[in-house]
Amino acid sequence: KGFGRQGGKTEVFRGSEYKVELLPKLK
């Protein structure tokens, strides 16, 4: 998991917005 320039992303779950900072990747 990690992030670069995009700095994560914003998700919505059950009407609540939250930020996912570490995104899944493959090394």
PDB file of all heavy atoms in Angstrom:
ATOM      1  N   LYS A   1       0.863  -1.183   0.000  1.00  0.00           N
ATOM      2  CA  LYS A   1       0.000   0.000   0.000  1.00  0.00           C
ATOM      3  C   LYS A   1       0.891   1.220   0.000  1.00  0.00           C
ATOM      4  O   LYS A   1       1.988   1.206   0.542  1.00  0.00           O
ATOM      5  CB  LYS A   1      -0.896   0.023   1.245  1.00  0.00           C
ATOM      6  CG  LYS A   1      -1.958  -1.043   1.232  1.00  0.00           C
ATOM      7  CD  LYS A   1      -2.864  -0.894   2.429  1.00  0.00           C
ATOM      8  CE  LYS A   1      -3.943  -1.967   2.370  1.00  0.00           C
ATOM      9  NZ  LYS A   1      -4.958  -1.760   3.383  1.00  0.00           N
ATOM     10  N   GLY A   2       0.397   2.295  -0.607  1.00  0.00           N
ATOM     11  CA  GLY A   2       1.175   3.525  -0.621  1.00  0.00           C
ATOM     12  C   GLY A   2       0.430   4.628  -1.339  1.00  0.00           C
ATOM     13  O   GLY A   2      -0.716   4.459  -1.771  1.00  0.00           O
ATOM     14  N   PHE A   3       1.102   5.770  -1.447  1.00  0.00           N
ATOM     15  CA  PHE A   3       0.540   6.869  -2.220  1.00  0.00           C
ATOM     16  C   PHE A   3       1.681   7.685  -2.793  1.00  0.00           C
ATOM     17  O   PHE A   3       2.803   7.647  -2.318  1.00  0.00           O
ATOM     18  CB  PHE A   3      -0.393   7.747  -1.375  1.00  0.00           C
ATOM     19  CG  PHE A   3       0.299   8.530  -0.298  1.00  0.00           C
ATOM     20  CD1 PHE A   3       0.797   9.798  -0.560  1.00  0.00           C
ATOM     21  CD2 PHE A   3       0.454   8.008   0.968  1.00  0.00           C
ATOM     22  CE1 PHE A   3       1.437  10.531   0.430  1.00  0.00           C
ATOM     23  CE2 PHE A   3       1.087   8.722   1.964  1.00  0.00           C
ATOM     24  CZ  PHE A   3       1.588   9.982   1.692  1.00  0.00           C
ATOM     25  N   GLY A   4       1.368   8.401  -3.840  1.00  0.00           N
ATOM     26  CA  GLY A   4       2.327   9.285  -4.480  1.00  0.00           C
ATOM     27  C   GLY A   4       1.710  10.656  -4.599  1.00  0.00           C
ATOM     28  O   GLY A   4       1.108  11.160  -3.652  1.00  0.00           O
ATOM     29  N   ARG A   5       1.812  11.215  -5.768  1.00  0.00           N
ATOM     30  CA  ARG A   5       1.289  12.568  -5.982  1.00  0.00           C
ATOM     31  C   ARG A   5      -0.202  12.674  -5.739  1.00  0.00           C
ATOM     32  O   ARG A   5      -0.702  13.710  -5.348  1.00  0.00           O
ATOM     33  CB  ARG A   5       1.590  13.022  -7.406  1.00  0.00           C
ATOM     34  CG  ARG A   5       3.035  13.327  -7.609  1.00  0.00           C
ATOM     35  CD  ARG A   5       3.260  13.908  -8.972  1.00  0.00           C
ATOM     36  NE  ARG A   5       4.686  14.081  -9.181  1.00  0.00           N
ATOM     37  CZ  ARG A   5       5.217  14.326 -10.353  1.00  0.00           C
ATOM     38  NH1 ARG A   5       4.458  14.413 -11.416  1.00  0.00           N
ATOM     39  NH2 ARG A   5       6.511  14.473 -10.464  1.00  0.00           N
ATOM     40  N   GLN A   6      -0.932  11.594  -5.995  1.00  0.00           N
ATOM     41  CA  GLN A   6      -2.379  11.677  -5.828  1.00  0.00           C
ATOM     42  C   GLN A   6      -2.766  11.784  -4.362  1.00  0.00           C
ATOM     43  O   GLN A   6      -3.849  12.240  -4.037  1.00  0.00           O
ATOM     44  CB  GLN A   6      -3.103  10.508  -6.506  1.00  0.00           C
ATOM     45  CG  GLN A   6      -3.145   9.217  -5.708  1.00  0.00           C
ATOM     46  CD  GLN A   6      -2.055   8.230  -6.074  1.00  0.00           C
ATOM     47  OE1 GLN A   6      -0.953   8.607  -6.437  1.00  0.00           O
ATOM     48  NE2 GLN A   6      -2.346   6.962  -5.970  1.00  0.00           N
ATOM     49  N   GLY A   7      -1.885  11.380  -3.457  1.00  0.00           N
ATOM     50  CA  GLY A   7      -2.128  11.547  -2.029  1.00  0.00           C
ATOM     51  C   GLY A   7      -3.321  10.784  -1.497  1.00  0.00           C
ATOM     52  O   GLY A   7      -3.904  11.164  -0.495  1.00  0.00           O
ATOM     53  N   GLY A   8      -3.718   9.722  -2.148  1.00  0.00           N
ATOM     54  CA  GLY A   8      -4.880   8.947  -1.716  1.00  0.00           C
ATOM     55  C   GLY A   8      -6.114   9.362  -2.495  1.00  0.00           C
ATOM     56  O   GLY A   8      -6.030  10.014  -3.527  1.00  0.00           O
ATOM     57  N   LYS A   9      -7.272   8.981  -1.977  1.00  0.00           N
ATOM     58  CA  LYS A   9      -8.517   9.352  -2.646  1.00  0.00           C
ATOM     59  C   LYS A   9      -9.637   9.421  -1.618  1.00  0.00           C
ATOM     60  O   LYS A   9      -9.537   8.875  -0.524  1.00  0.00           O
ATOM     61  CB  LYS A   9      -8.866   8.382  -3.771  1.00  0.00           C
ATOM     62  CG  LYS A   9      -9.148   6.966  -3.317  1.00  0.00           C
ATOM     63  CD  LYS A   9      -9.473   6.072  -4.498  1.00  0.00           C
ATOM     64  CE  LYS A   9      -9.716   4.651  -4.031  1.00  0.00           C
ATOM     65  NZ  LYS A   9     -10.070   3.773  -5.115  1.00  0.00           N
ATOM     66  N   THR A  10     -10.715  10.097  -1.996  1.00  0.00           N
ATOM     67  CA  THR A  10     -11.869  10.240  -1.113  1.00  0.00           C
ATOM     68  C   THR A  10     -12.922   9.223  -1.505  1.00  0.00           C
ATOM     69  O   THR A  10     -13.229   9.056  -2.682  1.00  0.00           O
ATOM     70  CB  THR A  10     -12.442  11.661  -1.209  1.00  0.00           C
ATOM     71  OG1 THR A  10     -11.402  12.582  -0.879  1.00  0.00           O
ATOM     72  CG2 THR A  10     -13.595  11.854  -0.251  1.00  0.00           C
ATOM     73  N   GLU A  11     -13.460   8.518  -0.523  1.00  0.00           N
ATOM     74  CA  GLU A  11     -14.507   7.517  -0.727  1.00  0.00           C
ATOM     75  C   GLU A  11     -15.747   7.923   0.054  1.00  0.00           C
ATOM     76  O   GLU A  11     -15.665   8.703   1.000  1.00  0.00           O
ATOM     77  CB  GLU A  11     -14.031   6.147  -0.226  1.00  0.00           C
ATOM     78  CG  GLU A  11     -12.837   5.574  -0.946  1.00  0.00           C
ATOM     79  CD  GLU A  11     -13.216   4.752  -2.149  1.00  0.00           C
ATOM     80  OE1 GLU A  11     -14.355   4.282  -2.218  1.00  0.00           O
ATOM     81  OE2 GLU A  11     -12.355   4.581  -3.028  1.00  0.00           O
ATOM     82  N   VAL A  12     -16.888   7.373  -0.338  1.00  0.00           N
ATOM     83  CA  VAL A  12     -18.121   7.573   0.408  1.00  0.00           C
ATOM     84  C   VAL A  12     -18.643   6.206   0.824  1.00  0.00           C
ATOM     85  O   VAL A  12     -18.772   5.302  -0.007  1.00  0.00           O
ATOM     86  CB  VAL A  12     -19.180   8.322  -0.438  1.00  0.00           C
ATOM     87  CG1 VAL A  12     -20.479   8.452   0.335  1.00  0.00           C
ATOM     88  CG2 VAL A  12     -18.662   9.682  -0.865  1.00  0.00           C
ATOM     89  N   PHE A  13     -18.920   6.036   2.132  1.00  0.00           N
ATOM     90  CA  PHE A  13     -19.453   4.787   2.655  1.00  0.00           C
ATOM     91  C   PHE A  13     -20.643   5.107   3.541  1.00  0.00           C
ATOM     92  O   PHE A  13     -20.507   5.828   4.529  1.00  0.00           O
ATOM     93  CB  PHE A  13     -18.374   4.028   3.441  1.00  0.00           C
ATOM     94  CG  PHE A  13     -18.841   2.719   3.997  1.00  0.00           C
ATOM     95  CD1 PHE A  13     -19.082   1.644   3.168  1.00  0.00           C
ATOM     96  CD2 PHE A  13     -19.064   2.573   5.356  1.00  0.00           C
ATOM     97  CE1 PHE A  13     -19.513   0.429   3.669  1.00  0.00           C
ATOM     98  CE2 PHE A  13     -19.503   1.371   5.878  1.00  0.00           C
ATOM     99  CZ  PHE A  13     -19.728   0.289   5.032  1.00  0.00           C
ATOM    100  N   ARG A  14     -21.822   4.591   3.164  1.00  0.00           N
ATOM    101  CA  ARG A  14     -23.055   4.821   3.909  1.00  0.00           C
ATOM    102  C   ARG A  14     -23.296   6.294   4.188  1.00  0.00           C
ATOM    103  O   ARG A  14     -23.644   6.696   5.290  1.00  0.00           O
ATOM    104  CB  ARG A  14     -23.065   4.027   5.208  1.00  0.00           C
ATOM    105  CG  ARG A  14     -23.093   2.538   4.971  1.00  0.00           C
ATOM    106  CD  ARG A  14     -23.276   1.780   6.249  1.00  0.00           C
ATOM    107  NE  ARG A  14     -23.351   0.355   5.947  1.00  0.00           N
ATOM    108  CZ  ARG A  14     -23.382  -0.583   6.849  1.00  0.00           C
ATOM    109  NH1 ARG A  14     -23.366  -0.274   8.130  1.00  0.00           N
ATOM    110  NH2 ARG A  14     -23.443  -1.836   6.498  1.00  0.00           N
ATOM    111  N   GLY A  15     -23.043   7.097   3.171  1.00  0.00           N
ATOM    112  CA  GLY A  15     -23.311   8.528   3.273  1.00  0.00           C
ATOM    113  C   GLY A  15     -22.214   9.343   3.930  1.00  0.00           C
ATOM    114  O   GLY A  15     -22.280  10.560   3.944  1.00  0.00           O
ATOM    115  N   SER A  16     -21.217   8.689   4.478  1.00  0.00           N
ATOM    116  CA  SER A  16     -20.115   9.414   5.116  1.00  0.00           C
ATOM    117  C   SER A  16     -18.895   9.422   4.199  1.00  0.00           C
ATOM    118  O   SER A  16     -18.519   8.398   3.646  1.00  0.00           O
ATOM    119  CB  SER A  16     -19.725   8.750   6.440  1.00  0.00           C
ATOM    120  OG  SER A  16     -20.788   8.806   7.344  1.00  0.00           O
ATOM    121  N   GLU A  17     -18.303  10.582   4.067  1.00  0.00           N
ATOM    122  CA  GLU A  17     -17.123  10.728   3.237  1.00  0.00           C
ATOM    123  C   GLU A  17     -15.874  10.515   4.088  1.00  0.00           C
ATOM    124  O   GLU A  17     -15.799  10.988   5.220  1.00  0.00           O
ATOM    125  CB  GLU A  17     -17.110  12.132   2.627  1.00  0.00           C
ATOM    126  CG  GLU A  17     -16.145  12.294   1.498  1.00  0.00           C
ATOM    127  CD  GLU A  17     -16.300  13.641   0.809  1.00  0.00           C
ATOM    128  OE1 GLU A  17     -17.229  13.794   0.002  1.00  0.00           O
ATOM    129  OE2 GLU A  17     -15.487  14.520   1.111  1.00  0.00           O
ATOM    130  N   TYR A  18     -14.916   9.766   3.563  1.00  0.00           N
ATOM    131  CA  TYR A  18     -13.660   9.561   4.278  1.00  0.00           C
ATOM    132  C   TYR A  18     -12.528   9.470   3.276  1.00  0.00           C
ATOM    133  O   TYR A  18     -12.727   9.201   2.101  1.00  0.00           O
ATOM    134  CB  TYR A  18     -13.719   8.321   5.171  1.00  0.00           C
ATOM    135  CG  TYR A  18     -13.872   7.021   4.413  1.00  0.00           C
ATOM    136  CD1 TYR A  18     -12.774   6.226   4.144  1.00  0.00           C
ATOM    137  CD2 TYR A  18     -15.116   6.588   3.959  1.00  0.00           C
ATOM    138  CE1 TYR A  18     -12.902   5.043   3.442  1.00  0.00           C
ATOM    139  CE2 TYR A  18     -15.256   5.405   3.251  1.00  0.00           C
ATOM    140  CZ  TYR A  18     -14.139   4.631   3.000  1.00  0.00           C
ATOM    141  OH  TYR A  18     -14.270   3.473   2.303  1.00  0.00           O
ATOM    142  N   LYS A  19     -11.312   9.728   3.759  1.00  0.00           N
ATOM    143  CA  LYS A  19     -10.140   9.729   2.885  1.00  0.00           C
ATOM    144  C   LYS A  19      -9.354   8.430   3.052  1.00  0.00           C
ATOM    145  O   LYS A  19      -9.069   8.016   4.174  1.00  0.00           O
ATOM    146  CB  LYS A  19      -9.249  10.923   3.211  1.00  0.00           C
ATOM    147  CG  LYS A  19      -8.069  11.049   2.285  1.00  0.00           C
ATOM    148  CD  LYS A  19      -7.484  12.437   2.353  1.00  0.00           C
ATOM    149  CE  LYS A  19      -6.265  12.508   1.479  1.00  0.00           C
ATOM    150  NZ  LYS A  19      -6.403  13.279   0.299  1.00  0.00           N
ATOM    151  N   VAL A  20      -9.038   7.811   1.932  1.00  0.00           N
ATOM    152  CA  VAL A  20      -8.172   6.630   1.910  1.00  0.00           C
ATOM    153  C   VAL A  20      -6.793   7.130   1.481  1.00  0.00           C
ATOM    154  O   VAL A  20      -6.610   7.544   0.345  1.00  0.00           O
ATOM    155  CB  VAL A  20      -8.700   5.564   0.918  1.00  0.00           C
ATOM    156  CG1 VAL A  20      -7.754   4.383   0.867  1.00  0.00           C
ATOM    157  CG2 VAL A  20     -10.097   5.140   1.283  1.00  0.00           C
ATOM    158  N   GLU A  21      -5.853   7.116   2.419  1.00  0.00           N
ATOM    159  CA  GLU A  21      -4.529   7.658   2.116  1.00  0.00           C
ATOM    160  C   GLU A  21      -3.600   6.627   1.497  1.00  0.00           C
ATOM    161  O   GLU A  21      -2.783   6.956   0.650  1.00  0.00           O
ATOM    162  CB  GLU A  21      -3.900   8.252   3.372  1.00  0.00           C
ATOM    163  CG  GLU A  21      -4.605   9.510   3.825  1.00  0.00           C
ATOM    164  CD  GLU A  21      -3.912  10.194   4.984  1.00  0.00           C
ATOM    165  OE1 GLU A  21      -2.840   9.719   5.409  1.00  0.00           O
ATOM    166  OE2 GLU A  21      -4.449  11.200   5.456  1.00  0.00           O
ATOM    167  N   LEU A  22      -3.695   5.380   1.926  1.00  0.00           N
ATOM    168  CA  LEU A  22      -2.828   4.336   1.390  1.00  0.00           C
ATOM    169  C   LEU A  22      -3.621   3.479   0.413  1.00  0.00           C
ATOM    170  O   LEU A  22      -4.558   2.787   0.803  1.00  0.00           O
ATOM    171  CB  LEU A  22      -2.261   3.473   2.521  1.00  0.00           C
ATOM    172  CG  LEU A  22      -1.347   4.207   3.504  1.00  0.00           C
ATOM    173  CD1 LEU A  22      -0.944   3.285   4.641  1.00  0.00           C
ATOM    174  CD2 LEU A  22      -0.125   4.754   2.803  1.00  0.00           C
ATOM    175  N   LEU A  23      -3.224   3.530  -0.847  1.00  0.00           N
ATOM    176  CA  LEU A  23      -3.927   2.797  -1.897  1.00  0.00           C
ATOM    177  C   LEU A  23      -3.243   1.462  -2.162  1.00  0.00           C
ATOM    178  O   LEU A  23      -2.014   1.361  -2.104  1.00  0.00           O
ATOM    179  CB  LEU A  23      -3.958   3.629  -3.178  1.00  0.00           C
ATOM    180  CG  LEU A  23      -4.619   5.000  -3.038  1.00  0.00           C
ATOM    181  CD1 LEU A  23      -4.468   5.785  -4.322  1.00  0.00           C
ATOM    182  CD2 LEU A  23      -6.077   4.848  -2.666  1.00  0.00           C
ATOM    183  N   PRO A  24      -4.024   0.422  -2.471  1.00  0.00           N
ATOM    184  CA  PRO A  24      -3.424  -0.882  -2.752  1.00  0.00           C
ATOM    185  C   PRO A  24      -2.654  -0.868  -4.075  1.00  0.00           C
ATOM    186  O   PRO A  24      -3.123  -0.315  -5.067  1.00  0.00           O
ATOM    187  CB  PRO A  24      -4.624  -1.833  -2.825  1.00  0.00           C
ATOM    188  CG  PRO A  24      -5.799  -0.961  -3.102  1.00  0.00           C
ATOM    189  CD  PRO A  24      -5.483   0.391  -2.538  1.00  0.00           C
ATOM    190  N   LYS A  25      -1.475  -1.462  -4.040  1.00  0.00           N
ATOM    191  CA  LYS A  25      -0.613  -1.585  -5.219  1.00  0.00           C
ATOM    192  C   LYS A  25       0.038  -2.962  -5.189  1.00  0.00           C
ATOM    193  O   LYS A  25      -0.037  -3.677  -4.196  1.00  0.00           O
ATOM    194  CB  LYS A  25       0.496  -0.521  -5.212  1.00  0.00           C
ATOM    195  CG  LYS A  25       0.028   0.917  -5.114  1.00  0.00           C
ATOM    196  CD  LYS A  25      -0.536   1.414  -6.401  1.00  0.00           C
ATOM    197  CE  LYS A  25      -0.904   2.893  -6.242  1.00  0.00           C
ATOM    198  NZ  LYS A  25      -1.372   3.469  -7.470  1.00  0.00           N
ATOM    199  N   LEU A  26       0.700  -3.316  -6.285  1.00  0.00           N
ATOM    200  CA  LEU A  26       1.523  -4.523  -6.333  1.00  0.00           C
ATOM    201  C   LEU A  26       2.962  -4.115  -6.593  1.00  0.00           C
ATOM    202  O   LEU A  26       3.231  -3.295  -7.467  1.00  0.00           O
ATOM    203  CB  LEU A  26       1.070  -5.464  -7.446  1.00  0.00           C
ATOM    204  CG  LEU A  26      -0.285  -6.135  -7.278  1.00  0.00           C
ATOM    205  CD1 LEU A  26      -0.567  -7.022  -8.481  1.00  0.00           C
ATOM    206  CD2 LEU A  26      -0.348  -6.937  -6.007  1.00  0.00           C
ATOM    207  N   LYS A  27       3.876  -4.703  -5.826  1.00  0.00           N
ATOM    208  CA  LYS A  27       5.303  -4.495  -6.076  1.00  0.00           C
ATOM    209  C   LYS A  27       5.809  -5.721  -6.824  1.00  0.00           C
ATOM    210  O   LYS A  27       5.685  -6.851  -6.342  1.00  0.00           O
ATOM    211  CB  LYS A  27       6.067  -4.301  -4.775  1.00  0.00           C
ATOM    212  CG  LYS A  27       7.552  -4.049  -5.006  1.00  0.00           C
ATOM    213  CD  LYS A  27       8.261  -3.524  -3.782  1.00  0.00           C
ATOM    214  CE  LYS A  27       8.516  -4.595  -2.783  1.00  0.00           C
ATOM    215  NZ  LYS A  27       9.422  -4.172  -1.700  1.00  0.00           N
TER     216      LYS A  27
END
